[in-house]
N, C-alpha and C. Protein backbone atom coordinates (compact mmCIF):
# COMPACT_ATOMS: atom_id res chain seq x y z
N MET A 1 10.47 14.81 -12.11
CA MET A 1 9.81 13.57 -11.74
C MET A 1 10.49 12.93 -10.45
N ILE A 2 11.79 13.33 -10.17
CA ILE A 2 12.48 12.65 -9.07
C ILE A 2 11.71 13.11 -7.70
N ALA A 3 11.09 14.28 -7.70
CA ALA A 3 10.47 14.80 -6.50
C ALA A 3 9.33 13.79 -6.07
N LEU A 4 8.78 13.00 -6.97
CA LEU A 4 7.69 12.10 -6.66
C LEU A 4 8.28 10.96 -5.68
N LEU A 5 9.60 10.78 -5.50
CA LEU A 5 10.08 9.82 -4.84
C LEU A 5 10.61 10.23 -3.46
N LEU A 6 10.29 11.37 -3.08
CA LEU A 6 10.74 12.01 -1.90
C LEU A 6 9.94 11.44 -0.58
N GLY A 7 10.52 11.47 0.53
CA GLY A 7 9.84 11.53 1.83
C GLY A 7 8.93 10.47 2.07
N CYS A 8 9.19 9.15 1.98
CA CYS A 8 8.26 8.13 2.35
C CYS A 8 8.01 8.17 3.86
N ALA A 9 6.81 8.01 4.24
CA ALA A 9 6.56 8.11 5.75
C ALA A 9 7.22 7.12 6.50
N SER A 10 7.74 7.34 7.63
CA SER A 10 8.51 6.49 8.46
C SER A 10 7.73 5.38 9.00
N THR A 11 8.31 4.16 9.02
CA THR A 11 7.83 3.02 9.71
C THR A 11 8.59 2.66 10.98
N SER A 12 9.81 3.17 11.15
CA SER A 12 10.71 2.81 12.10
C SER A 12 10.93 3.74 13.23
N GLY A 13 10.76 5.03 13.01
CA GLY A 13 11.05 6.14 13.86
C GLY A 13 10.01 6.61 14.80
N LEU A 14 8.80 6.00 14.70
CA LEU A 14 7.67 6.45 15.56
C LEU A 14 7.46 5.70 16.79
N GLY A 15 8.20 4.59 17.00
CA GLY A 15 8.14 3.77 18.25
C GLY A 15 6.97 2.81 18.22
N THR A 16 6.68 2.28 19.47
CA THR A 16 5.57 1.27 19.55
C THR A 16 4.23 1.98 19.96
N ALA A 17 3.30 1.07 20.29
CA ALA A 17 1.91 1.51 20.65
C ALA A 17 1.81 1.93 22.08
N ARG A 18 2.92 1.75 22.93
CA ARG A 18 2.91 2.16 24.34
C ARG A 18 3.79 3.45 24.48
N THR A 19 3.29 4.54 24.86
CA THR A 19 3.99 5.90 25.09
C THR A 19 4.91 5.68 26.29
N ILE A 20 6.00 6.38 26.27
CA ILE A 20 6.95 6.32 27.43
C ILE A 20 6.39 7.17 28.58
N ASP A 21 7.00 6.94 29.69
CA ASP A 21 6.45 7.67 30.94
C ASP A 21 6.73 9.15 30.90
N GLN A 22 6.03 9.88 31.72
CA GLN A 22 6.20 11.32 31.80
C GLN A 22 7.65 11.60 32.25
N HIS A 23 8.25 12.66 31.45
CA HIS A 23 9.64 13.14 31.63
C HIS A 23 10.70 12.29 31.21
N ASP A 24 10.36 11.03 30.83
CA ASP A 24 11.33 10.03 30.25
C ASP A 24 11.88 10.48 28.85
N VAL A 25 13.14 10.24 28.59
CA VAL A 25 13.76 10.56 27.32
C VAL A 25 14.18 9.29 26.67
N GLN A 26 13.92 9.15 25.40
CA GLN A 26 14.33 7.97 24.63
C GLN A 26 14.93 8.34 23.31
N TYR A 27 16.11 7.72 23.05
CA TYR A 27 16.80 7.98 21.81
C TYR A 27 16.60 6.83 20.72
N VAL A 28 16.70 7.25 19.64
CA VAL A 28 16.44 6.32 18.54
C VAL A 28 17.34 6.45 17.25
N ILE A 29 17.78 5.27 16.79
CA ILE A 29 18.51 5.27 15.50
C ILE A 29 17.67 4.29 14.70
N ALA A 30 17.41 4.78 13.39
CA ALA A 30 16.51 4.00 12.54
C ALA A 30 17.17 3.93 11.08
N GLN A 31 17.15 2.72 10.56
CA GLN A 31 17.60 2.48 9.27
C GLN A 31 16.33 1.92 8.38
N GLU A 32 16.10 2.78 7.47
CA GLU A 32 14.90 2.42 6.60
C GLU A 32 15.29 2.30 5.14
N GLY A 33 14.49 1.60 4.38
CA GLY A 33 14.69 1.31 2.99
C GLY A 33 13.38 1.03 2.31
N GLY A 34 13.49 0.84 1.02
CA GLY A 34 12.29 0.51 0.31
C GLY A 34 12.44 0.59 -1.21
N TRP A 35 11.27 0.26 -1.81
CA TRP A 35 11.30 0.30 -3.27
C TRP A 35 10.01 1.03 -3.71
N VAL A 36 10.24 2.03 -4.50
CA VAL A 36 9.17 3.04 -5.00
C VAL A 36 8.89 2.80 -6.44
N GLN A 37 7.68 2.49 -6.86
CA GLN A 37 7.32 2.42 -8.19
C GLN A 37 6.18 3.45 -8.54
N SER A 38 6.56 4.40 -9.28
CA SER A 38 5.68 5.55 -9.67
C SER A 38 5.94 5.79 -11.14
N HIS A 39 5.12 5.35 -11.98
CA HIS A 39 5.29 5.35 -13.50
C HIS A 39 5.77 6.77 -13.94
N PRO A 40 6.87 6.80 -14.73
CA PRO A 40 7.61 5.68 -15.27
C PRO A 40 8.82 5.31 -14.52
N LEU A 41 8.94 5.70 -13.24
CA LEU A 41 10.15 5.48 -12.38
C LEU A 41 9.99 4.41 -11.46
N GLN A 42 11.08 3.61 -11.31
CA GLN A 42 11.14 2.70 -10.31
C GLN A 42 12.56 2.83 -9.65
N THR A 43 12.65 2.85 -8.29
CA THR A 43 13.90 2.99 -7.57
C THR A 43 13.99 2.60 -6.36
N PRO A 44 15.06 1.98 -5.80
CA PRO A 44 15.25 1.76 -4.29
C PRO A 44 15.64 2.96 -3.75
N LEU A 45 15.26 3.05 -2.30
CA LEU A 45 15.60 4.14 -1.43
C LEU A 45 16.10 3.66 -0.12
N VAL A 46 17.18 4.32 0.46
CA VAL A 46 17.63 3.97 1.78
C VAL A 46 17.90 5.16 2.54
N ARG A 47 17.27 5.16 3.79
CA ARG A 47 17.45 6.33 4.58
C ARG A 47 17.88 6.01 6.04
N GLN A 48 18.75 6.85 6.66
CA GLN A 48 19.26 6.82 7.99
C GLN A 48 18.56 7.91 8.87
N ASP A 49 18.10 7.67 10.05
CA ASP A 49 17.61 8.68 10.81
C ASP A 49 18.21 8.57 12.27
N VAL A 50 18.22 9.68 13.01
CA VAL A 50 18.54 9.68 14.37
C VAL A 50 17.52 10.66 15.04
N GLY A 51 17.13 10.36 16.30
CA GLY A 51 16.12 11.11 16.84
C GLY A 51 15.92 10.98 18.41
N VAL A 52 15.10 11.67 18.98
CA VAL A 52 14.83 11.58 20.38
C VAL A 52 13.35 11.74 20.65
N ARG A 53 12.85 11.03 21.71
CA ARG A 53 11.49 11.19 22.06
C ARG A 53 11.39 11.58 23.53
N TYR A 54 10.31 12.17 23.89
CA TYR A 54 10.11 12.77 25.25
C TYR A 54 8.66 12.46 25.70
N GLY A 55 8.51 12.10 26.97
CA GLY A 55 7.17 11.88 27.53
C GLY A 55 6.69 13.17 28.17
N ILE A 56 5.64 13.75 27.48
CA ILE A 56 5.20 15.01 28.10
C ILE A 56 4.19 14.64 29.35
N THR A 57 3.39 13.61 29.15
CA THR A 57 2.74 12.95 30.20
C THR A 57 2.82 11.45 29.91
N ASP A 58 2.21 10.60 30.86
CA ASP A 58 2.23 9.21 30.60
C ASP A 58 1.57 8.78 29.42
N ASP A 59 0.68 9.59 28.84
CA ASP A 59 -0.18 9.26 27.69
C ASP A 59 0.25 10.10 26.48
N LEU A 60 1.08 11.01 26.56
CA LEU A 60 1.41 11.95 25.50
C LEU A 60 2.91 12.01 25.42
N GLU A 61 3.41 11.68 24.11
CA GLU A 61 4.70 11.62 23.73
C GLU A 61 5.14 12.47 22.45
N VAL A 62 6.15 13.12 22.46
CA VAL A 62 6.52 13.92 21.23
C VAL A 62 7.93 13.25 20.78
N GLY A 63 8.11 13.34 19.47
CA GLY A 63 9.35 12.86 18.88
C GLY A 63 9.86 13.72 17.75
N ALA A 64 11.20 13.71 17.55
CA ALA A 64 11.82 14.48 16.41
C ALA A 64 12.91 13.68 15.86
N THR A 65 13.01 13.61 14.57
CA THR A 65 14.19 12.83 13.92
C THR A 65 14.67 13.78 12.83
N ILE A 66 15.99 13.56 12.47
CA ILE A 66 16.66 14.13 11.29
C ILE A 66 17.36 12.98 10.57
N GLY A 67 17.46 13.13 9.29
CA GLY A 67 18.20 12.05 8.57
C GLY A 67 18.47 12.44 7.19
N GLY A 68 18.93 11.54 6.45
CA GLY A 68 19.18 11.68 5.03
C GLY A 68 19.14 10.40 4.20
N TRP A 69 19.08 10.55 2.99
CA TRP A 69 18.93 9.39 2.04
C TRP A 69 20.33 9.03 1.52
N ALA A 70 20.72 7.76 1.67
CA ALA A 70 21.96 7.31 1.22
C ALA A 70 22.06 7.25 -0.32
N PHE A 71 23.28 7.46 -0.80
CA PHE A 71 23.51 7.46 -2.26
C PHE A 71 23.09 8.60 -2.99
N ILE A 72 22.45 9.54 -2.39
CA ILE A 72 21.89 10.69 -3.16
C ILE A 72 22.42 12.00 -2.51
N ALA A 73 23.14 12.64 -3.30
CA ALA A 73 23.77 14.01 -2.73
C ALA A 73 22.78 15.01 -2.26
N TYR A 74 23.19 15.68 -1.14
CA TYR A 74 22.36 16.81 -0.70
C TYR A 74 20.87 16.45 -0.39
N TRP A 75 20.58 15.41 0.32
CA TRP A 75 19.27 15.03 0.56
C TRP A 75 19.00 14.90 2.12
N SER A 76 18.10 15.69 2.59
CA SER A 76 17.97 15.63 4.08
C SER A 76 16.42 15.48 4.38
N HIS A 77 16.23 15.05 5.66
CA HIS A 77 14.80 14.72 6.10
C HIS A 77 14.78 15.23 7.48
N VAL A 78 13.52 15.77 7.90
CA VAL A 78 13.17 16.22 9.24
C VAL A 78 11.79 15.73 9.46
N GLN A 79 11.61 15.16 10.67
CA GLN A 79 10.21 14.72 10.96
C GLN A 79 9.94 15.10 12.48
N TYR A 80 8.62 15.49 12.73
CA TYR A 80 8.17 15.72 14.15
C TYR A 80 6.81 14.93 14.22
N ASP A 81 6.62 14.38 15.47
CA ASP A 81 5.36 13.65 15.68
C ASP A 81 4.86 13.73 17.15
N LEU A 82 3.59 13.58 17.33
CA LEU A 82 2.89 13.74 18.56
C LEU A 82 2.07 12.51 18.71
N LYS A 83 2.35 11.60 19.70
CA LYS A 83 1.69 10.36 19.90
C LYS A 83 0.81 10.45 21.17
N TYR A 84 -0.44 9.95 21.03
CA TYR A 84 -1.38 9.92 22.09
C TYR A 84 -1.82 8.53 22.51
N GLN A 85 -1.82 8.15 23.70
CA GLN A 85 -2.16 6.74 24.03
C GLN A 85 -3.76 6.68 24.30
N LEU A 86 -4.37 5.80 23.45
CA LEU A 86 -5.85 5.64 23.62
C LEU A 86 -6.21 4.51 24.54
N HIS A 87 -5.35 3.47 24.64
CA HIS A 87 -5.58 2.41 25.61
C HIS A 87 -4.33 1.85 25.98
N SER A 88 -4.17 1.38 27.20
CA SER A 88 -2.91 0.66 27.64
C SER A 88 -3.44 -0.38 28.52
N GLY A 89 -3.01 -1.63 28.23
CA GLY A 89 -3.37 -2.73 29.10
C GLY A 89 -2.25 -3.85 29.20
N PRO A 90 -2.40 -4.82 29.90
CA PRO A 90 -1.38 -5.92 30.02
C PRO A 90 -1.04 -6.65 28.69
N ARG A 91 -2.04 -6.69 27.82
CA ARG A 91 -1.75 -7.43 26.59
C ARG A 91 -1.99 -6.61 25.27
N LEU A 92 -2.73 -5.40 25.42
CA LEU A 92 -3.03 -4.61 24.31
C LEU A 92 -2.89 -3.05 24.63
N ASP A 93 -2.12 -2.47 23.65
CA ASP A 93 -1.87 -1.01 23.66
C ASP A 93 -2.44 -0.52 22.38
N VAL A 94 -2.96 0.73 22.37
CA VAL A 94 -3.43 1.32 21.22
C VAL A 94 -3.10 2.83 21.35
N ALA A 95 -2.46 3.38 20.36
CA ALA A 95 -2.08 4.88 20.32
C ALA A 95 -2.33 5.38 18.81
N VAL A 96 -2.57 6.64 18.85
CA VAL A 96 -2.61 7.30 17.57
C VAL A 96 -1.54 8.36 17.36
N ASP A 97 -0.85 8.57 16.29
CA ASP A 97 0.30 9.34 16.10
C ASP A 97 0.03 10.33 14.92
N ALA A 98 0.42 11.52 14.94
CA ALA A 98 0.33 12.56 14.00
C ALA A 98 1.80 13.00 13.74
N ALA A 99 2.25 12.84 12.48
CA ALA A 99 3.56 13.13 12.07
C ALA A 99 3.70 13.96 10.89
N VAL A 100 4.48 14.94 10.90
CA VAL A 100 4.71 15.84 9.71
C VAL A 100 6.29 15.78 9.38
N ALA A 101 6.61 15.73 8.09
CA ALA A 101 8.03 15.60 7.68
C ALA A 101 8.22 16.47 6.47
N HIS A 102 9.56 17.00 6.38
CA HIS A 102 9.96 17.78 5.32
C HIS A 102 11.15 17.23 4.78
N ASP A 103 11.23 17.14 3.37
CA ASP A 103 12.36 16.59 2.73
C ASP A 103 12.91 17.65 1.64
N TRP A 104 14.39 17.85 1.60
CA TRP A 104 14.95 18.56 0.58
C TRP A 104 15.90 17.82 -0.10
N PHE A 105 16.01 18.11 -1.43
CA PHE A 105 17.13 17.38 -2.17
C PHE A 105 17.61 18.29 -3.32
N SER A 106 18.98 18.15 -3.67
CA SER A 106 19.49 18.76 -4.72
C SER A 106 20.46 17.88 -5.43
N VAL A 107 20.27 17.52 -6.63
CA VAL A 107 21.16 16.57 -7.30
C VAL A 107 21.37 17.22 -8.64
N GLY A 108 22.66 17.65 -8.95
CA GLY A 108 22.94 18.33 -10.12
C GLY A 108 22.22 19.77 -10.17
N LYS A 109 21.51 19.87 -11.21
CA LYS A 109 20.61 21.03 -11.39
C LYS A 109 19.19 20.88 -11.01
N THR A 110 18.93 19.75 -10.30
CA THR A 110 17.53 19.40 -10.03
C THR A 110 17.42 19.60 -8.53
N TYR A 111 16.34 20.38 -8.10
CA TYR A 111 16.07 20.76 -6.64
C TYR A 111 14.63 20.57 -6.47
N GLY A 112 14.36 19.87 -5.33
CA GLY A 112 12.97 19.76 -5.05
C GLY A 112 12.82 19.51 -3.51
N GLN A 113 11.42 19.61 -3.12
CA GLN A 113 10.93 19.40 -1.66
C GLN A 113 9.73 18.59 -1.69
N ALA A 114 9.49 18.07 -0.42
CA ALA A 114 8.27 17.34 -0.20
C ALA A 114 7.79 17.60 1.20
N ALA A 115 6.49 17.70 1.42
CA ALA A 115 5.90 17.76 2.70
C ALA A 115 5.00 16.52 2.93
N THR A 116 5.27 15.83 3.97
CA THR A 116 4.47 14.62 4.15
C THR A 116 3.81 14.73 5.58
N VAL A 117 2.54 14.36 5.51
CA VAL A 117 1.74 14.17 6.78
C VAL A 117 1.24 12.70 6.95
N GLN A 118 1.41 12.10 8.01
CA GLN A 118 0.85 10.69 8.10
C GLN A 118 0.18 10.69 9.45
N VAL A 119 -0.95 9.83 9.56
CA VAL A 119 -1.68 9.52 10.85
C VAL A 119 -1.74 8.12 10.91
N PRO A 120 -0.86 7.49 11.61
CA PRO A 120 -0.96 6.09 11.93
C PRO A 120 -1.65 5.69 13.16
N LEU A 121 -2.36 4.57 13.15
CA LEU A 121 -2.88 4.04 14.33
C LEU A 121 -2.04 2.83 14.68
N LEU A 122 -1.56 2.89 15.99
CA LEU A 122 -0.56 1.81 16.42
C LEU A 122 -1.30 0.95 17.35
N VAL A 123 -1.29 -0.40 16.96
CA VAL A 123 -1.94 -1.36 17.79
C VAL A 123 -0.89 -2.37 18.27
N GLY A 124 -0.54 -2.40 19.43
CA GLY A 124 0.45 -3.30 20.04
C GLY A 124 -0.11 -4.54 20.74
N ILE A 125 0.31 -5.67 20.35
CA ILE A 125 -0.26 -6.87 20.95
C ILE A 125 1.06 -7.53 21.70
N ARG A 126 1.00 -7.62 23.02
CA ARG A 126 2.13 -8.03 23.78
C ARG A 126 2.14 -9.58 23.91
N THR A 127 3.31 -10.22 23.79
CA THR A 127 3.46 -11.63 23.89
C THR A 127 3.71 -11.85 25.40
N LYS A 128 3.74 -13.25 25.88
CA LYS A 128 3.94 -13.71 27.19
C LYS A 128 5.24 -13.23 27.80
N ARG A 129 6.24 -13.05 26.87
CA ARG A 129 7.52 -12.54 27.35
C ARG A 129 7.70 -11.10 27.16
N ASP A 130 6.62 -10.34 27.03
CA ASP A 130 6.61 -9.02 27.01
C ASP A 130 7.14 -8.31 25.83
N HIS A 131 7.27 -8.99 24.84
CA HIS A 131 7.73 -8.45 23.61
C HIS A 131 6.39 -7.91 22.76
N GLU A 132 6.40 -7.31 21.67
CA GLU A 132 5.20 -6.74 21.22
C GLU A 132 5.02 -6.74 19.64
N TRP A 133 4.05 -7.31 19.16
CA TRP A 133 3.69 -7.13 17.66
C TRP A 133 2.99 -5.87 17.52
N VAL A 134 3.37 -5.11 16.51
CA VAL A 134 2.77 -3.71 16.25
C VAL A 134 2.17 -3.67 14.89
N LEU A 135 0.85 -3.54 14.76
CA LEU A 135 0.06 -3.32 13.57
C LEU A 135 -0.18 -1.91 13.34
N THR A 136 0.15 -1.27 12.09
CA THR A 136 0.07 0.04 11.99
C THR A 136 -0.59 0.47 10.71
N PRO A 137 -1.98 0.43 10.58
CA PRO A 137 -2.63 0.97 9.52
C PRO A 137 -2.45 2.61 9.49
N ARG A 138 -2.37 3.23 8.38
CA ARG A 138 -1.96 4.59 8.28
C ARG A 138 -2.44 5.25 7.00
N LEU A 139 -2.69 6.55 7.18
CA LEU A 139 -3.21 7.35 6.08
C LEU A 139 -2.08 8.42 5.83
N VAL A 140 -1.64 8.72 4.59
CA VAL A 140 -0.49 9.64 4.26
C VAL A 140 -0.92 10.53 3.23
N TYR A 141 -0.60 11.83 3.47
CA TYR A 141 -0.67 12.90 2.38
C TYR A 141 0.69 13.34 2.10
N GLN A 142 0.95 13.64 0.90
CA GLN A 142 2.24 14.07 0.41
C GLN A 142 2.04 15.13 -0.70
N HIS A 143 2.80 16.18 -0.50
CA HIS A 143 2.83 17.35 -1.43
C HIS A 143 4.33 17.50 -1.93
N THR A 144 4.65 17.25 -3.21
CA THR A 144 6.09 17.46 -3.60
C THR A 144 6.01 18.53 -4.76
N TRP A 145 7.15 19.12 -4.79
CA TRP A 145 7.34 20.18 -5.82
C TRP A 145 8.84 20.33 -6.23
N SER A 146 9.20 20.77 -7.39
CA SER A 146 10.47 20.79 -7.86
C SER A 146 10.63 21.81 -8.90
N LYS A 147 11.87 22.36 -8.98
CA LYS A 147 11.96 23.47 -10.13
C LYS A 147 11.63 22.89 -11.53
N GLY A 148 10.92 23.64 -12.16
CA GLY A 148 10.42 23.25 -13.53
C GLY A 148 9.39 22.21 -13.74
N SER A 149 8.80 21.76 -12.56
CA SER A 149 7.76 20.74 -12.67
C SER A 149 6.58 21.30 -11.83
N ALA A 150 5.41 20.74 -12.21
CA ALA A 150 4.23 21.08 -11.49
C ALA A 150 4.13 20.42 -10.28
N PRO A 151 3.54 20.98 -9.18
CA PRO A 151 3.38 20.28 -7.89
C PRO A 151 2.51 19.02 -8.01
N VAL A 152 2.77 18.02 -7.24
CA VAL A 152 2.04 16.89 -7.15
C VAL A 152 1.52 16.61 -5.83
N ASP A 153 0.26 16.22 -5.65
CA ASP A 153 -0.37 15.85 -4.42
C ASP A 153 -0.74 14.42 -4.40
N LYS A 154 -0.47 13.58 -3.34
CA LYS A 154 -0.72 12.22 -3.41
C LYS A 154 -1.35 11.92 -2.05
N LEU A 155 -2.41 11.12 -1.99
CA LEU A 155 -3.09 10.54 -0.85
C LEU A 155 -2.72 9.04 -0.88
N LEU A 156 -2.11 8.53 0.09
CA LEU A 156 -1.85 7.09 0.22
C LEU A 156 -2.36 6.49 1.43
N VAL A 157 -2.63 5.17 1.39
CA VAL A 157 -3.08 4.41 2.43
C VAL A 157 -2.06 3.30 2.62
N GLY A 158 -1.80 2.76 3.85
CA GLY A 158 -0.78 1.71 4.11
C GLY A 158 -1.01 0.93 5.30
N GLN A 159 -0.10 -0.16 5.45
CA GLN A 159 -0.20 -0.98 6.53
C GLN A 159 1.22 -1.40 6.77
N SER A 160 1.70 -1.33 8.05
CA SER A 160 3.05 -1.93 8.31
C SER A 160 2.86 -2.86 9.51
N VAL A 161 3.87 -3.83 9.72
CA VAL A 161 3.86 -4.88 10.66
C VAL A 161 5.16 -4.93 11.25
N GLY A 162 5.31 -4.77 12.54
CA GLY A 162 6.58 -4.84 13.26
C GLY A 162 6.53 -5.69 14.50
N PHE A 163 7.80 -6.05 15.00
CA PHE A 163 7.94 -6.87 16.25
C PHE A 163 8.99 -6.14 17.01
N ALA A 164 8.47 -5.53 18.25
CA ALA A 164 9.38 -4.84 19.17
C ALA A 164 9.88 -5.89 20.11
N TRP A 165 11.19 -6.17 20.05
CA TRP A 165 11.95 -6.96 20.89
C TRP A 165 12.60 -6.17 21.96
N HIS A 166 12.21 -6.38 23.30
CA HIS A 166 12.75 -5.71 24.38
C HIS A 166 13.83 -6.52 25.13
N THR A 167 15.03 -6.12 25.15
CA THR A 167 16.09 -6.76 25.63
C THR A 167 16.84 -5.90 26.53
N GLY A 168 16.67 -5.99 27.86
CA GLY A 168 17.25 -5.07 28.79
C GLY A 168 16.65 -3.74 28.47
N PRO A 169 17.46 -2.59 28.55
CA PRO A 169 17.02 -1.41 28.19
C PRO A 169 16.84 -1.01 26.75
N LEU A 170 17.30 -1.84 25.86
CA LEU A 170 17.30 -1.63 24.58
C LEU A 170 16.05 -2.29 23.81
N THR A 171 15.33 -1.57 22.91
CA THR A 171 14.28 -2.16 22.17
C THR A 171 14.75 -2.13 20.63
N ILE A 172 14.63 -3.39 20.10
CA ILE A 172 14.98 -3.57 18.64
C ILE A 172 13.65 -3.79 17.91
N TYR A 173 13.42 -2.88 16.86
CA TYR A 173 12.06 -2.99 16.29
C TYR A 173 12.19 -3.01 14.73
N PRO A 174 12.32 -4.23 14.16
CA PRO A 174 12.22 -4.52 12.84
C PRO A 174 10.81 -4.53 12.35
N ASN A 175 10.56 -4.00 10.94
CA ASN A 175 9.20 -3.93 10.57
C ASN A 175 9.30 -3.91 9.00
N VAL A 176 8.16 -4.04 8.45
CA VAL A 176 7.94 -4.01 6.93
C VAL A 176 6.58 -3.47 6.71
N GLY A 177 6.43 -2.69 5.69
CA GLY A 177 5.16 -2.13 5.24
C GLY A 177 4.97 -1.87 3.89
N VAL A 178 3.71 -1.45 3.55
CA VAL A 178 3.36 -1.17 2.15
C VAL A 178 2.54 0.22 2.13
N LEU A 179 2.66 1.03 1.08
CA LEU A 179 1.94 2.15 0.80
C LEU A 179 1.39 2.18 -0.54
N TRP A 180 0.22 2.60 -0.82
CA TRP A 180 -0.25 2.74 -2.18
C TRP A 180 -1.19 3.79 -2.39
N SER A 181 -1.18 4.29 -3.70
CA SER A 181 -2.12 5.30 -4.19
C SER A 181 -2.43 4.93 -5.56
N THR A 182 -3.68 5.07 -5.80
CA THR A 182 -4.20 4.75 -7.23
C THR A 182 -4.86 6.12 -7.89
N ASN A 183 -4.45 7.25 -7.39
CA ASN A 183 -4.88 8.49 -7.88
C ASN A 183 -4.49 8.75 -9.26
N PRO A 184 -5.29 8.69 -10.28
CA PRO A 184 -4.80 8.95 -11.84
C PRO A 184 -4.72 10.31 -12.13
N ALA A 185 -5.02 11.35 -11.22
CA ALA A 185 -5.10 12.66 -11.59
C ALA A 185 -3.80 13.42 -11.75
N ASP A 186 -2.81 12.90 -11.08
CA ASP A 186 -1.43 13.52 -11.21
C ASP A 186 -0.66 13.02 -12.35
N ALA A 187 0.53 13.55 -12.60
CA ALA A 187 1.31 13.19 -13.73
C ALA A 187 1.87 11.75 -13.73
N ALA A 188 2.02 11.36 -12.44
CA ALA A 188 2.66 10.03 -12.38
C ALA A 188 1.75 8.94 -12.06
N GLY A 189 0.50 9.15 -11.97
CA GLY A 189 -0.60 8.17 -11.88
C GLY A 189 -0.40 7.57 -10.37
N GLY A 190 -0.57 6.27 -10.30
CA GLY A 190 -0.49 5.61 -9.05
C GLY A 190 0.90 5.42 -8.55
N MET A 191 1.14 5.15 -7.22
CA MET A 191 2.36 5.00 -6.55
C MET A 191 2.27 3.71 -5.65
N ARG A 192 3.24 2.89 -5.64
CA ARG A 192 3.22 1.76 -4.79
C ARG A 192 4.65 1.73 -4.13
N VAL A 193 4.69 1.50 -2.89
CA VAL A 193 5.82 1.75 -2.07
C VAL A 193 5.99 0.38 -1.08
N LEU A 194 7.03 -0.33 -1.20
CA LEU A 194 7.32 -1.31 -0.22
C LEU A 194 8.45 -0.76 0.77
N GLN A 195 8.23 -0.91 2.01
CA GLN A 195 9.15 -0.35 2.87
C GLN A 195 9.55 -1.42 4.01
N TYR A 196 10.79 -1.21 4.42
CA TYR A 196 11.35 -2.11 5.57
C TYR A 196 12.17 -1.30 6.39
N GLY A 197 12.44 -1.68 7.58
CA GLY A 197 13.40 -0.90 8.33
C GLY A 197 13.56 -1.53 9.77
N VAL A 198 14.51 -0.99 10.54
CA VAL A 198 14.67 -1.50 11.96
C VAL A 198 15.04 -0.19 12.80
N GLY A 199 14.41 -0.12 13.94
CA GLY A 199 14.77 1.01 14.91
C GLY A 199 15.29 0.43 16.07
N PHE A 200 16.12 1.24 16.63
CA PHE A 200 16.90 0.83 17.99
C PHE A 200 16.54 1.94 18.96
N TYR A 201 15.95 1.66 20.00
CA TYR A 201 15.44 2.56 21.00
C TYR A 201 16.17 2.25 22.33
N TRP A 202 16.63 3.31 23.03
CA TRP A 202 17.27 3.12 24.44
C TRP A 202 16.93 4.37 25.17
N PRO A 203 16.79 4.19 26.50
CA PRO A 203 16.50 5.29 27.40
C PRO A 203 17.62 6.16 27.73
N GLU A 204 17.41 7.32 28.23
CA GLU A 204 18.37 8.27 28.68
C GLU A 204 19.25 7.66 29.78
C-alpha cells in the first residue's frame, strides 16, 4: 500500500509561465511537502529537489530535477519536463508543460516504484512590479507497483496557485495546490493530496 503514496507531481520545480530565453541556463532548488489521504492510509510527505532548466528556443524550455523524500530511507525521484510558450505578453503569459517522473523506494523488505505523467497549463498574471501570480490546472496519471501487490493506476486532476517574486537575479516561488482522484476501481479508492512548496530559481 505504501506505493500508493509515491511520486506526487511537482508544483515547485517546473517554473513559471514564461519560458527562459534561448541558450539561457537556470538552476533550481525546490522544497515540497504535502498530505496524502488514500484509504486506509494518511501520511505527510516532504521532498527536496535540485535541478536545471535550459532554453532550447525563446519559446521552448527543458528541465530536469533529481531529489528524494525526507524521513524515508532509500527513496529517490527523477523528473524531466518540456515547456512550450503559448502566449507571452506584458501582463499575461501562458505555457503548457509535459512532465514525466520516476520514483523508487525501499523500506525494510518493501520495494516499489511509481511512474507519473502530468500536463499542467501555466497561466501567469504579472503585477505592476513585474512579479507574477501563477495558476496551474493540471491532469496527472500515475502508475504504481510494488513487490507482492497488484499495480495501481490513478488519474488525478488538480490546481495549484503560486506567486513568483522576482528579486534581482533570484526568483522565489511559493505555491500551494490540491490533487484528487475519485476512481473507485482500484484497491485504495480515491486519493486526496494537499501540496505546498517553494522553488528558488537563479540564472547561470
